[in-house]
Amino acid sequence: MDCLFCSISRGEIPSAKVYEDDTVCAFRDIAPQAPVHILVIPKQHIASLDEVTAANSAVTAHILEVIPQIAKAEGLTRGYRVITNVGEDACQSVHHMHFHILGGKKLPEQMS
């Protein structure tokens, strides 16, 4: 499998990692849309939320536990946005489940 995020999590492609454990990896987005823009990915390849099952849901739960820790470490005390895109119509550009943490400024109410 030739997956960009799998390669990043294995350390084959450099990234600006901000968090890593045995299950997840988090790194700065190379095209940030906010002052803080971090991607949080599972090390296990799961294409999107559509592939979350009872067998792998603990990975997603762990990501949701880690996100607030990362946000706190990044100083996002006034709030932040968490986004995941699923499929073509949502503009999922890498087919490896990932969550965007966006913050560091007042974000627009409307999504574009």
PDB file of N, CA and C in Angstrom:
ATOM      1  N   MET A   1       0.856  -1.181   0.000  1.00  0.00           N
ATOM      2  CA  MET A   1       0.000   0.000   0.000  1.00  0.00           C
ATOM      3  C   MET A   1       0.899   1.240   0.000  1.00  0.00           C
ATOM      4  N   ASP A   2       0.554   2.189  -0.824  1.00  0.00           N
ATOM      5  CA  ASP A   2       1.328   3.412  -0.952  1.00  0.00           C
ATOM      6  C   ASP A   2       0.514   4.561  -0.351  1.00  0.00           C
ATOM      7  N   CYS A   3       0.602   4.724   0.966  1.00  0.00           N
ATOM      8  CA  CYS A   3      -0.203   5.730   1.662  1.00  0.00           C
ATOM      9  C   CYS A   3       0.717   6.782   2.284  1.00  0.00           C
ATOM     10  N   LEU A   4       0.485   8.038   1.932  1.00  0.00           N
ATOM     11  CA  LEU A   4       1.290   9.143   2.431  1.00  0.00           C
ATOM     12  C   LEU A   4       1.345   9.154   3.953  1.00  0.00           C
ATOM     13  N   PHE A   5       0.190   9.064   4.611  1.00  0.00           N
ATOM     14  CA  PHE A   5       0.166   9.158   6.072  1.00  0.00           C
ATOM     15  C   PHE A   5       0.770   7.927   6.744  1.00  0.00           C
ATOM     16  N   CYS A   6       0.655   6.753   6.124  1.00  0.00           N
ATOM     17  CA  CYS A   6       1.337   5.576   6.671  1.00  0.00           C
ATOM     18  C   CYS A   6       2.841   5.800   6.625  1.00  0.00           C
ATOM     19  N   SER A   7       3.328   6.358   5.511  1.00  0.00           N
ATOM     20  CA  SER A   7       4.768   6.644   5.373  1.00  0.00           C
ATOM     21  C   SER A   7       5.227   7.669   6.403  1.00  0.00           C
ATOM     22  N   ILE A   8       4.412   8.687   6.658  1.00  0.00           N
ATOM     23  CA  ILE A   8       4.759   9.684   7.672  1.00  0.00           C
ATOM     24  C   ILE A   8       4.804   9.043   9.052  1.00  0.00           C
ATOM     25  N   SER A   9       3.804   8.222   9.372  1.00  0.00           N
ATOM     26  CA  SER A   9       3.768   7.617  10.714  1.00  0.00           C
ATOM     27  C   SER A   9       4.932   6.657  10.933  1.00  0.00           C
ATOM     28  N   ARG A  10       5.434   6.040   9.863  1.00  0.00           N
ATOM     29  CA  ARG A  10       6.596   5.147   9.975  1.00  0.00           C
ATOM     30  C   ARG A  10       7.916   5.911   9.970  1.00  0.00           C
ATOM     31  N   GLY A  11       7.866   7.234   9.757  1.00  0.00           N
ATOM     32  CA  GLY A  11       9.072   8.043   9.750  1.00  0.00           C
ATOM     33  C   GLY A  11       9.804   8.035   8.419  1.00  0.00           C
ATOM     34  N   GLU A  12       9.185   7.508   7.380  1.00  0.00           N
ATOM     35  CA  GLU A  12       9.811   7.449   6.052  1.00  0.00           C
ATOM     36  C   GLU A  12       9.763   8.800   5.341  1.00  0.00           C
ATOM     37  N   ILE A  13       8.797   9.614   5.710  1.00  0.00           N
ATOM     38  CA  ILE A  13       8.667  10.969   5.179  1.00  0.00           C
ATOM     39  C   ILE A  13       8.750  11.912   6.368  1.00  0.00           C
ATOM     40  N   PRO A  14       9.620  12.916   6.316  1.00  0.00           N
ATOM     41  CA  PRO A  14       9.753  13.838   7.441  1.00  0.00           C
ATOM     42  C   PRO A  14       8.468  14.629   7.694  1.00  0.00           C
ATOM     43  N   SER A  15       8.249  14.929   8.958  1.00  0.00           N
ATOM     44  CA  SER A  15       7.116  15.768   9.346  1.00  0.00           C
ATOM     45  C   SER A  15       7.486  16.488  10.638  1.00  0.00           C
ATOM     46  N   ALA A  16       6.741  17.531  10.923  1.00  0.00           N
ATOM     47  CA  ALA A  16       6.940  18.275  12.171  1.00  0.00           C
ATOM     48  C   ALA A  16       6.003  17.679  13.222  1.00  0.00           C
ATOM     49  N   LYS A  17       6.428  16.570  13.810  1.00  0.00           N
ATOM     50  CA  LYS A  17       5.594  15.858  14.782  1.00  0.00           C
ATOM     51  C   LYS A  17       5.475  16.668  16.073  1.00  0.00           C
ATOM     52  N   VAL A  18       4.251  16.682  16.597  1.00  0.00           N
ATOM     53  CA  VAL A  18       3.998  17.341  17.883  1.00  0.00           C
ATOM     54  C   VAL A  18       3.584  16.327  18.951  1.00  0.00           C
ATOM     55  N   TYR A  19       3.228  15.105  18.524  1.00  0.00           N
ATOM     56  CA  TYR A  19       2.807  14.070  19.467  1.00  0.00           C
ATOM     57  C   TYR A  19       2.953  12.724  18.780  1.00  0.00           C
ATOM     58  N   GLU A  20       3.339  11.725  19.566  1.00  0.00           N
ATOM     59  CA  GLU A  20       3.387  10.363  19.041  1.00  0.00           C
ATOM     60  C   GLU A  20       3.332   9.384  20.193  1.00  0.00           C
ATOM     61  N   ASP A  21       2.585   8.307  19.996  1.00  0.00           N
ATOM     62  CA  ASP A  21       2.597   7.179  20.917  1.00  0.00           C
ATOM     63  C   ASP A  21       2.491   5.914  20.068  1.00  0.00           C
ATOM     64  N   ASP A  22       2.206   4.792  20.670  1.00  0.00           N
ATOM     65  CA  ASP A  22       2.152   3.534  19.920  1.00  0.00           C
ATOM     66  C   ASP A  22       0.984   3.466  18.939  1.00  0.00           C
ATOM     67  N   THR A  23      -0.041   4.282  19.133  1.00  0.00           N
ATOM     68  CA  THR A  23      -1.272   4.190  18.351  1.00  0.00           C
ATOM     69  C   THR A  23      -1.459   5.325  17.371  1.00  0.00           C
ATOM     70  N   VAL A  24      -1.042   6.532  17.741  1.00  0.00           N
ATOM     71  CA  VAL A  24      -1.306   7.716  16.904  1.00  0.00           C
ATOM     72  C   VAL A  24      -0.058   8.559  16.717  1.00  0.00           C
ATOM     73  N   CYS A  25      -0.152   9.409  15.716  1.00  0.00           N
ATOM     74  CA  CYS A  25       0.905  10.356  15.393  1.00  0.00           C
ATOM     75  C   CYS A  25       0.215  11.680  15.064  1.00  0.00           C
ATOM     76  N   ALA A  26       0.787  12.785  15.505  1.00  0.00           N
ATOM     77  CA  ALA A  26       0.234  14.110  15.205  1.00  0.00           C
ATOM     78  C   ALA A  26       1.361  14.998  14.706  1.00  0.00           C
ATOM     79  N   PHE A  27       1.068  15.752  13.657  1.00  0.00           N
ATOM     80  CA  PHE A  27       2.095  16.599  13.047  1.00  0.00           C
ATOM     81  C   PHE A  27       1.448  17.842  12.452  1.00  0.00           C
ATOM     82  N   ARG A  28       2.263  18.855  12.227  1.00  0.00           N
ATOM     83  CA  ARG A  28       1.775  20.115  11.668  1.00  0.00           C
ATOM     84  C   ARG A  28       1.441  19.945  10.189  1.00  0.00           C
ATOM     85  N   ASP A  29       0.314  20.532   9.781  1.00  0.00           N
ATOM     86  CA  ASP A  29      -0.092  20.504   8.376  1.00  0.00           C
ATOM     87  C   ASP A  29       0.879  21.338   7.549  1.00  0.00           C
ATOM     88  N   ILE A  30       1.229  20.863   6.361  1.00  0.00           N
ATOM     89  CA  ILE A  30       2.182  21.608   5.528  1.00  0.00           C
ATOM     90  C   ILE A  30       1.533  22.800   4.830  1.00  0.00           C
ATOM     91  N   ALA A  31       0.207  22.868   4.837  1.00  0.00           N
ATOM     92  CA  ALA A  31      -0.511  24.013   4.262  1.00  0.00           C
ATOM     93  C   ALA A  31      -1.528  24.498   5.287  1.00  0.00           C
ATOM     94  N   PRO A  32      -1.051  25.107   6.392  1.00  0.00           N
ATOM     95  CA  PRO A  32      -1.965  25.447   7.495  1.00  0.00           C
ATOM     96  C   PRO A  32      -3.044  26.450   7.103  1.00  0.00           C
ATOM     97  N   GLN A  33      -4.248  26.195   7.635  1.00  0.00           N
ATOM     98  CA  GLN A  33      -5.386  27.080   7.403  1.00  0.00           C
ATOM     99  C   GLN A  33      -5.736  27.883   8.647  1.00  0.00           C
ATOM    100  N   ALA A  34      -4.885  27.805   9.648  1.00  0.00           N
ATOM    101  CA  ALA A  34      -5.019  28.570  10.890  1.00  0.00           C
ATOM    102  C   ALA A  34      -3.627  28.632  11.506  1.00  0.00           C
ATOM    103  N   PRO A  35      -3.416  29.537  12.471  1.00  0.00           N
ATOM    104  CA  PRO A  35      -2.091  29.597  13.105  1.00  0.00           C
ATOM    105  C   PRO A  35      -1.640  28.247  13.669  1.00  0.00           C
ATOM    106  N   VAL A  36      -2.570  27.491  14.217  1.00  0.00           N
ATOM    107  CA  VAL A  36      -2.291  26.115  14.638  1.00  0.00           C
ATOM    108  C   VAL A  36      -3.134  25.203  13.762  1.00  0.00           C
ATOM    109  N   HIS A  37      -2.474  24.326  13.029  1.00  0.00           N
ATOM    110  CA  HIS A  37      -3.171  23.356  12.172  1.00  0.00           C
ATOM    111  C   HIS A  37      -2.387  22.050  12.253  1.00  0.00           C
ATOM    112  N   ILE A  38      -2.935  21.127  13.012  1.00  0.00           N
ATOM    113  CA  ILE A  38      -2.283  19.847  13.283  1.00  0.00           C
ATOM    114  C   ILE A  38      -3.164  18.719  12.777  1.00  0.00           C
ATOM    115  N   LEU A  39      -2.535  17.706  12.190  1.00  0.00           N
ATOM    116  CA  LEU A  39      -3.235  16.500  11.761  1.00  0.00           C
ATOM    117  C   LEU A  39      -2.945  15.400  12.758  1.00  0.00           C
ATOM    118  N   VAL A  40      -3.981  14.693  13.174  1.00  0.00           N
ATOM    119  CA  VAL A  40      -3.838  13.565  14.088  1.00  0.00           C
ATOM    120  C   VAL A  40      -4.303  12.326  13.340  1.00  0.00           C
ATOM    121  N   ILE A  41      -3.407  11.339  13.229  1.00  0.00           N
ATOM    122  CA  ILE A  41      -3.711  10.143  12.450  1.00  0.00           C
ATOM    123  C   ILE A  41      -3.468   8.882  13.274  1.00  0.00           C
ATOM    124  N   PRO A  42      -4.209   7.820  12.959  1.00  0.00           N
ATOM    125  CA  PRO A  42      -3.863   6.535  13.556  1.00  0.00           C
ATOM    126  C   PRO A  42      -2.676   5.942  12.801  1.00  0.00           C
ATOM    127  N   LYS A  43      -1.825   5.216  13.492  1.00  0.00           N
ATOM    128  CA  LYS A  43      -0.728   4.543  12.812  1.00  0.00           C
ATOM    129  C   LYS A  43      -1.253   3.369  11.986  1.00  0.00           C
ATOM    130  N   GLN A  44      -2.332   2.784  12.448  1.00  0.00           N
ATOM    131  CA  GLN A  44      -3.003   1.714  11.693  1.00  0.00           C
ATOM    132  C   GLN A  44      -3.737   2.352  10.523  1.00  0.00           C
ATOM    133  N   HIS A  45      -3.647   1.758   9.355  1.00  0.00           N
ATOM    134  CA  HIS A  45      -4.341   2.342   8.207  1.00  0.00           C
ATOM    135  C   HIS A  45      -5.852   2.084   8.318  1.00  0.00           C
ATOM    136  N   ILE A  46      -6.587   3.166   8.479  1.00  0.00           N
ATOM    137  CA  ILE A  46      -8.051   3.174   8.429  1.00  0.00           C
ATOM    138  C   ILE A  46      -8.372   4.285   7.441  1.00  0.00           C
ATOM    139  N   ALA A  47      -9.060   3.976   6.361  1.00  0.00           N
ATOM    140  CA  ALA A  47      -9.234   4.951   5.273  1.00  0.00           C
ATOM    141  C   ALA A  47     -10.035   6.182   5.691  1.00  0.00           C
ATOM    142  N   SER A  48     -11.080   6.001   6.480  1.00  0.00           N
ATOM    143  CA  SER A  48     -11.917   7.125   6.919  1.00  0.00           C
ATOM    144  C   SER A  48     -12.829   6.639   8.031  1.00  0.00           C
ATOM    145  N   LEU A  49     -13.663   7.544   8.536  1.00  0.00           N
ATOM    146  CA  LEU A  49     -14.634   7.137   9.560  1.00  0.00           C
ATOM    147  C   LEU A  49     -15.564   6.037   9.059  1.00  0.00           C
ATOM    148  N   ASP A  50     -15.749   5.957   7.745  1.00  0.00           N
ATOM    149  CA  ASP A  50     -16.588   4.894   7.180  1.00  0.00           C
ATOM    150  C   ASP A  50     -16.032   3.504   7.460  1.00  0.00           C
ATOM    151  N   GLU A  51     -14.744   3.403   7.787  1.00  0.00           N
ATOM    152  CA  GLU A  51     -14.131   2.103   8.049  1.00  0.00           C
ATOM    153  C   GLU A  51     -13.951   1.810   9.541  1.00  0.00           C
ATOM    154  N   VAL A  52     -14.496   2.653  10.402  1.00  0.00           N
ATOM    155  CA  VAL A  52     -14.419   2.386  11.836  1.00  0.00           C
ATOM    156  C   VAL A  52     -15.409   1.274  12.167  1.00  0.00           C
ATOM    157  N   THR A  53     -14.911   0.258  12.880  1.00  0.00           N
ATOM    158  CA  THR A  53     -15.722  -0.901  13.255  1.00  0.00           C
ATOM    159  C   THR A  53     -15.517  -1.179  14.746  1.00  0.00           C
ATOM    160  N   ALA A  54     -16.248  -2.149  15.254  1.00  0.00           N
ATOM    161  CA  ALA A  54     -16.061  -2.558  16.645  1.00  0.00           C
ATOM    162  C   ALA A  54     -14.638  -3.054  16.872  1.00  0.00           C
ATOM    163  N   ALA A  55     -14.031  -3.630  15.849  1.00  0.00           N
ATOM    164  CA  ALA A  55     -12.681  -4.172  15.976  1.00  0.00           C
ATOM    165  C   ALA A  55     -11.606  -3.091  16.053  1.00  0.00           C
ATOM    166  N   ASN A  56     -11.851  -1.898  15.475  1.00  0.00           N
ATOM    167  CA  ASN A  56     -10.813  -0.850  15.482  1.00  0.00           C
ATOM    168  C   ASN A  56     -11.262   0.462  16.120  1.00  0.00           C
ATOM    169  N   SER A  57     -12.435   0.493  16.714  1.00  0.00           N
ATOM    170  CA  SER A  57     -12.968   1.749  17.263  1.00  0.00           C
ATOM    171  C   SER A  57     -12.150   2.268  18.445  1.00  0.00           C
ATOM    172  N   ALA A  58     -11.409   1.419  19.114  1.00  0.00           N
ATOM    173  CA  ALA A  58     -10.571   1.884  20.223  1.00  0.00           C
ATOM    174  C   ALA A  58      -9.502   2.853  19.727  1.00  0.00           C
ATOM    175  N   VAL A  59      -9.057   2.688  18.489  1.00  0.00           N
ATOM    176  CA  VAL A  59      -8.068   3.599  17.909  1.00  0.00           C
ATOM    177  C   VAL A  59      -8.673   4.998  17.787  1.00  0.00           C
ATOM    178  N   THR A  60      -9.887   5.072  17.268  1.00  0.00           N
ATOM    179  CA  THR A  60     -10.563   6.362  17.123  1.00  0.00           C
ATOM    180  C   THR A  60     -10.843   6.980  18.493  1.00  0.00           C
ATOM    181  N   ALA A  61     -11.253   6.172  19.443  1.00  0.00           N
ATOM    182  CA  ALA A  61     -11.490   6.679  20.800  1.00  0.00           C
ATOM    183  C   ALA A  61     -10.197   7.257  21.377  1.00  0.00           C
ATOM    184  N   HIS A  62      -9.088   6.593  21.147  1.00  0.00           N
ATOM    185  CA  HIS A  62      -7.801   7.084  21.650  1.00  0.00           C
ATOM    186  C   HIS A  62      -7.448   8.427  20.997  1.00  0.00           C
ATOM    187  N   ILE A  63      -7.700   8.558  19.702  1.00  0.00           N
ATOM    188  CA  ILE A  63      -7.450   9.837  19.025  1.00  0.00           C
ATOM    189  C   ILE A  63      -8.248  10.947  19.708  1.00  0.00           C
ATOM    190  N   LEU A  64      -9.513  10.673  20.015  1.00  0.00           N
ATOM    191  CA  LEU A  64     -10.358  11.686  20.649  1.00  0.00           C
ATOM    192  C   LEU A  64      -9.908  12.000  22.075  1.00  0.00           C
ATOM    193  N   GLU A  65      -9.217  11.082  22.717  1.00  0.00           N
ATOM    194  CA  GLU A  65      -8.640  11.355  24.038  1.00  0.00           C
ATOM    195  C   GLU A  65      -7.372  12.197  23.924  1.00  0.00           C
ATOM    196  N   VAL A  66      -6.611  12.005  22.860  1.00  0.00           N
ATOM    197  CA  VAL A  66      -5.332  12.687  22.661  1.00  0.00           C
ATOM    198  C   VAL A  66      -5.523  14.118  22.159  1.00  0.00           C
ATOM    199  N   ILE A  67      -6.548  14.360  21.354  1.00  0.00           N
ATOM    200  CA  ILE A  67      -6.748  15.689  20.766  1.00  0.00           C
ATOM    201  C   ILE A  67      -6.763  16.797  21.823  1.00  0.00           C
ATOM    202  N   PRO A  68      -7.509  16.684  22.926  1.00  0.00           N
ATOM    203  CA  PRO A  68      -7.478  17.759  23.931  1.00  0.00           C
ATOM    204  C   PRO A  68      -6.090  17.955  24.555  1.00  0.00           C
ATOM    205  N   GLN A  69      -5.323  16.892  24.692  1.00  0.00           N
ATOM    206  CA  GLN A  69      -3.963  17.010  25.232  1.00  0.00           C
ATOM    207  C   GLN A  69      -3.082  17.826  24.288  1.00  0.00           C
ATOM    208  N   ILE A  70      -3.206  17.545  22.987  1.00  0.00           N
ATOM    209  CA  ILE A  70      -2.429  18.279  21.985  1.00  0.00           C
ATOM    210  C   ILE A  70      -2.856  19.743  21.975  1.00  0.00           C
ATOM    211  N   ALA A  71      -4.162  19.985  21.986  1.00  0.00           N
ATOM    212  CA  ALA A  71      -4.673  21.362  21.974  1.00  0.00           C
ATOM    213  C   ALA A  71      -4.154  22.139  23.181  1.00  0.00           C
ATOM    214  N   LYS A  72      -4.162  21.522  24.344  1.00  0.00           N
ATOM    215  CA  LYS A  72      -3.661  22.186  25.548  1.00  0.00           C
ATOM    216  C   LYS A  72      -2.168  22.488  25.417  1.00  0.00           C
ATOM    217  N   ALA A  73      -1.405  21.514  24.913  1.00  0.00           N
ATOM    218  CA  ALA A  73       0.043  21.707  24.742  1.00  0.00           C
ATOM    219  C   ALA A  73       0.342  22.817  23.730  1.00  0.00           C
ATOM    220  N   GLU A  74      -0.560  23.046  22.786  1.00  0.00           N
ATOM    221  CA  GLU A  74      -0.397  24.087  21.771  1.00  0.00           C
ATOM    222  C   GLU A  74      -0.925  25.445  22.235  1.00  0.00           C
ATOM    223  N   GLY A  75      -1.464  25.492  23.454  1.00  0.00           N
ATOM    224  CA  GLY A  75      -1.952  26.752  24.006  1.00  0.00           C
ATOM    225  C   GLY A  75      -3.307  27.182  23.486  1.00  0.00           C
ATOM    226  N   LEU A  76      -4.102  26.243  23.019  1.00  0.00           N
ATOM    227  CA  LEU A  76      -5.425  26.577  22.468  1.00  0.00           C
ATOM    228  C   LEU A  76      -6.463  26.651  23.584  1.00  0.00           C
ATOM    229  N   THR A  77      -6.291  27.626  24.464  1.00  0.00           N
ATOM    230  CA  THR A  77      -7.144  27.760  25.649  1.00  0.00           C
ATOM    231  C   THR A  77      -8.482  28.423  25.354  1.00  0.00           C
ATOM    232  N   ARG A  78      -8.586  29.131  24.233  1.00  0.00           N
ATOM    233  CA  ARG A  78      -9.834  29.832  23.901  1.00  0.00           C
ATOM    234  C   ARG A  78     -10.733  29.010  22.972  1.00  0.00           C
ATOM    235  N   GLY A  79     -10.284  27.821  22.613  1.00  0.00           N
ATOM    236  CA  GLY A  79     -11.081  26.943  21.774  1.00  0.00           C
ATOM    237  C   GLY A  79     -10.338  26.527  20.515  1.00  0.00           C
ATOM    238  N   TYR A  80     -10.890  25.525  19.875  1.00  0.00           N
ATOM    239  CA  TYR A  80     -10.308  24.988  18.644  1.00  0.00           C
ATOM    240  C   TYR A  80     -11.381  24.191  17.916  1.00  0.00           C
ATOM    241  N   ARG A  81     -11.115  23.912  16.664  1.00  0.00           N
ATOM    242  CA  ARG A  81     -12.039  23.143  15.825  1.00  0.00           C
ATOM    243  C   ARG A  81     -11.382  21.824  15.476  1.00  0.00           C
ATOM    244  N   VAL A  82     -12.181  20.754  15.464  1.00  0.00           N
ATOM    245  CA  VAL A  82     -11.715  19.432  15.042  1.00  0.00           C
ATOM    246  C   VAL A  82     -12.566  19.012  13.849  1.00  0.00           C
ATOM    247  N   ILE A  83     -11.885  18.652  12.763  1.00  0.00           N
ATOM    248  CA  ILE A  83     -12.579  18.292  11.520  1.00  0.00           C
ATOM    249  C   ILE A  83     -12.001  16.996  10.979  1.00  0.00           C
ATOM    250  N   THR A  84     -12.870  16.146  10.453  1.00  0.00           N
ATOM    251  CA  THR A  84     -12.428  15.017   9.655  1.00  0.00           C
ATOM    252  C   THR A  84     -13.287  14.992   8.396  1.00  0.00           C
ATOM    253  N   ASN A  85     -12.662  14.763   7.278  1.00  0.00           N
ATOM    254  CA  ASN A  85     -13.370  14.696   6.000  1.00  0.00           C
ATOM    255  C   ASN A  85     -13.521  13.237   5.615  1.00  0.00           C
ATOM    256  N   VAL A  86     -14.691  12.894   5.091  1.00  0.00           N
ATOM    257  CA  VAL A  86     -14.969  11.512   4.704  1.00  0.00           C
ATOM    258  C   VAL A  86     -15.438  11.496   3.256  1.00  0.00           C
ATOM    259  N   GLY A  87     -14.596  11.022   2.387  1.00  0.00           N
ATOM    260  CA  GLY A  87     -14.971  10.822   0.995  1.00  0.00           C
ATOM    261  C   GLY A  87     -14.784  12.030   0.088  1.00  0.00           C
ATOM    262  N   GLU A  88     -15.074  11.791  -1.151  1.00  0.00           N
ATOM    263  CA  GLU A  88     -14.845  12.753  -2.232  1.00  0.00           C
ATOM    264  C   GLU A  88     -15.605  14.062  -2.050  1.00  0.00           C
ATOM    265  N   ASP A  89     -16.895  14.001  -1.727  1.00  0.00           N
ATOM    266  CA  ASP A  89     -17.688  15.226  -1.592  1.00  0.00           C
ATOM    267  C   ASP A  89     -17.232  16.091  -0.415  1.00  0.00           C
ATOM    268  N   ALA A  90     -16.560  15.496   0.540  1.00  0.00           N
ATOM    269  CA  ALA A  90     -16.035  16.251   1.686  1.00  0.00           C
ATOM    270  C   ALA A  90     -14.592  16.693   1.442  1.00  0.00           C
ATOM    271  N   CYS A  91     -14.080  16.405   0.254  1.00  0.00           N
ATOM    272  CA  CYS A  91     -12.703  16.782  -0.132  1.00  0.00           C
ATOM    273  C   CYS A  91     -11.644  16.064   0.691  1.00  0.00           C
ATOM    274  N   GLN A  92     -11.882  14.792   1.004  1.00  0.00           N
ATOM    275  CA  GLN A  92     -10.849  14.006   1.679  1.00  0.00           C
ATOM    276  C   GLN A  92      -9.722  13.781   0.680  1.00  0.00           C
ATOM    277  N   SER A  93      -8.582  14.410   0.921  1.00  0.00           N
ATOM    278  CA  SER A  93      -7.480  14.358  -0.051  1.00  0.00           C
ATOM    279  C   SER A  93      -6.527  13.191   0.187  1.00  0.00           C
ATOM    280  N   VAL A  94      -6.415  12.730   1.424  1.00  0.00           N
ATOM    281  CA  VAL A  94      -5.593  11.560   1.736  1.00  0.00           C
ATOM    282  C   VAL A  94      -6.531  10.528   2.350  1.00  0.00           C
ATOM    283  N   HIS A  95      -6.578   9.352   1.754  1.00  0.00           N
ATOM    284  CA  HIS A  95      -7.523   8.330   2.211  1.00  0.00           C
ATOM    285  C   HIS A  95      -6.913   7.481   3.325  1.00  0.00           C
ATOM    286  N   HIS A  96      -6.615   8.194   4.401  1.00  0.00           N
ATOM    287  CA  HIS A  96      -6.168   7.632   5.670  1.00  0.00           C
ATOM    288  C   HIS A  96      -6.839   8.531   6.701  1.00  0.00           C
ATOM    289  N   MET A  97      -7.668   7.955   7.558  1.00  0.00           N
ATOM    290  CA  MET A  97      -8.429   8.759   8.507  1.00  0.00           C
ATOM    291  C   MET A  97      -7.513   9.739   9.231  1.00  0.00           C
ATOM    292  N   HIS A  98      -7.931  10.982   9.287  1.00  0.00           N
ATOM    293  CA  HIS A  98      -7.164  11.994   9.997  1.00  0.00           C
ATOM    294  C   HIS A  98      -8.107  13.075  10.509  1.00  0.00           C
ATOM    295  N   PHE A  99      -7.701  13.668  11.614  1.00  0.00           N
ATOM    296  CA  PHE A  99      -8.466  14.724  12.249  1.00  0.00           C
ATOM    297  C   PHE A  99      -7.622  15.992  12.233  1.00  0.00           C
ATOM    298  N   HIS A 100      -8.212  17.086  11.779  1.00  0.00           N
ATOM    299  CA  HIS A 100      -7.551  18.384  11.774  1.00  0.00           C
ATOM    300  C   HIS A 100      -7.865  19.087  13.086  1.00  0.00           C
ATOM    301  N   ILE A 101      -6.854  19.605  13.757  1.00  0.00           N
ATOM    302  CA  ILE A 101      -7.036  20.507  14.896  1.00  0.00           C
ATOM    303  C   ILE A 101      -6.683  21.895  14.379  1.00  0.00           C
ATOM    304  N   LEU A 102      -7.652  22.802  14.425  1.00  0.00           N
ATOM    305  CA  LEU A 102      -7.462  24.172  13.936  1.00  0.00           C
ATOM    306  C   LEU A 102      -7.720  25.147  15.069  1.00  0.00           C
ATOM    307  N   GLY A 103      -6.828  26.099  15.229  1.00  0.00           N
ATOM    308  CA  GLY A 103      -7.030  27.103  16.267  1.00  0.00           C
ATOM    309  C   GLY A 103      -5.958  28.167  16.230  1.00  0.00           C
ATOM    310  N   GLY A 104      -5.917  28.933  17.302  1.00  0.00           N
ATOM    311  CA  GLY A 104      -4.937  30.001  17.407  1.00  0.00           C
ATOM    312  C   GLY A 104      -5.457  31.358  16.972  1.00  0.00           C
ATOM    313  N   LYS A 105      -6.715  31.403  16.561  1.00  0.00           N
ATOM    314  CA  LYS A 105      -7.390  32.653  16.206  1.00  0.00           C
ATOM    315  C   LYS A 105      -8.885  32.379  16.207  1.00  0.00           C
ATOM    316  N   LYS A 106      -9.671  33.445  16.138  1.00  0.00           N
ATOM    317  CA  LYS A 106     -11.126  33.296  16.025  1.00  0.00           C
ATOM    318  C   LYS A 106     -11.415  32.713  14.639  1.00  0.00           C
ATOM    319  N   LEU A 107     -12.018  31.533  14.589  1.00  0.00           N
ATOM    320  CA  LEU A 107     -12.322  30.883  13.326  1.00  0.00           C
ATOM    321  C   LEU A 107     -13.682  31.346  12.815  1.00  0.00           C
ATOM    322  N   PRO A 108     -13.863  31.365  11.504  1.00  0.00           N
ATOM    323  CA  PRO A 108     -15.162  31.784  10.961  1.00  0.00           C
ATOM    324  C   PRO A 108     -16.263  30.800  11.337  1.00  0.00           C
ATOM    325  N   GLU A 109     -17.462  31.335  11.545  1.00  0.00           N
ATOM    326  CA  GLU A 109     -18.596  30.467  11.869  1.00  0.00           C
ATOM    327  C   GLU A 109     -18.962  29.583  10.709  1.00  0.00           C
ATOM    328  N   GLN A 110     -18.911  30.136   9.521  1.00  0.00           N
ATOM    329  CA  GLN A 110     -19.307  29.393   8.322  1.00  0.00           C
ATOM    330  C   GLN A 110     -18.134  28.582   7.798  1.00  0.00           C
ATOM    331  N   MET A 111     -18.422  27.392   7.397  1.00  0.00           N
ATOM    332  CA  MET A 111     -17.417  26.548   6.739  1.00  0.00           C
ATOM    333  C   MET A 111     -17.529  26.802   5.237  1.00  0.00           C
ATOM    334  N   SER A 112     -16.394  26.927   4.582  1.00  0.00           N
ATOM    335  CA  SER A 112     -16.462  27.147   3.127  1.00  0.00           C
ATOM    336  C   SER A 112     -15.852  25.989   2.390  1.00  0.00           C
TER     337      SER A 112
END
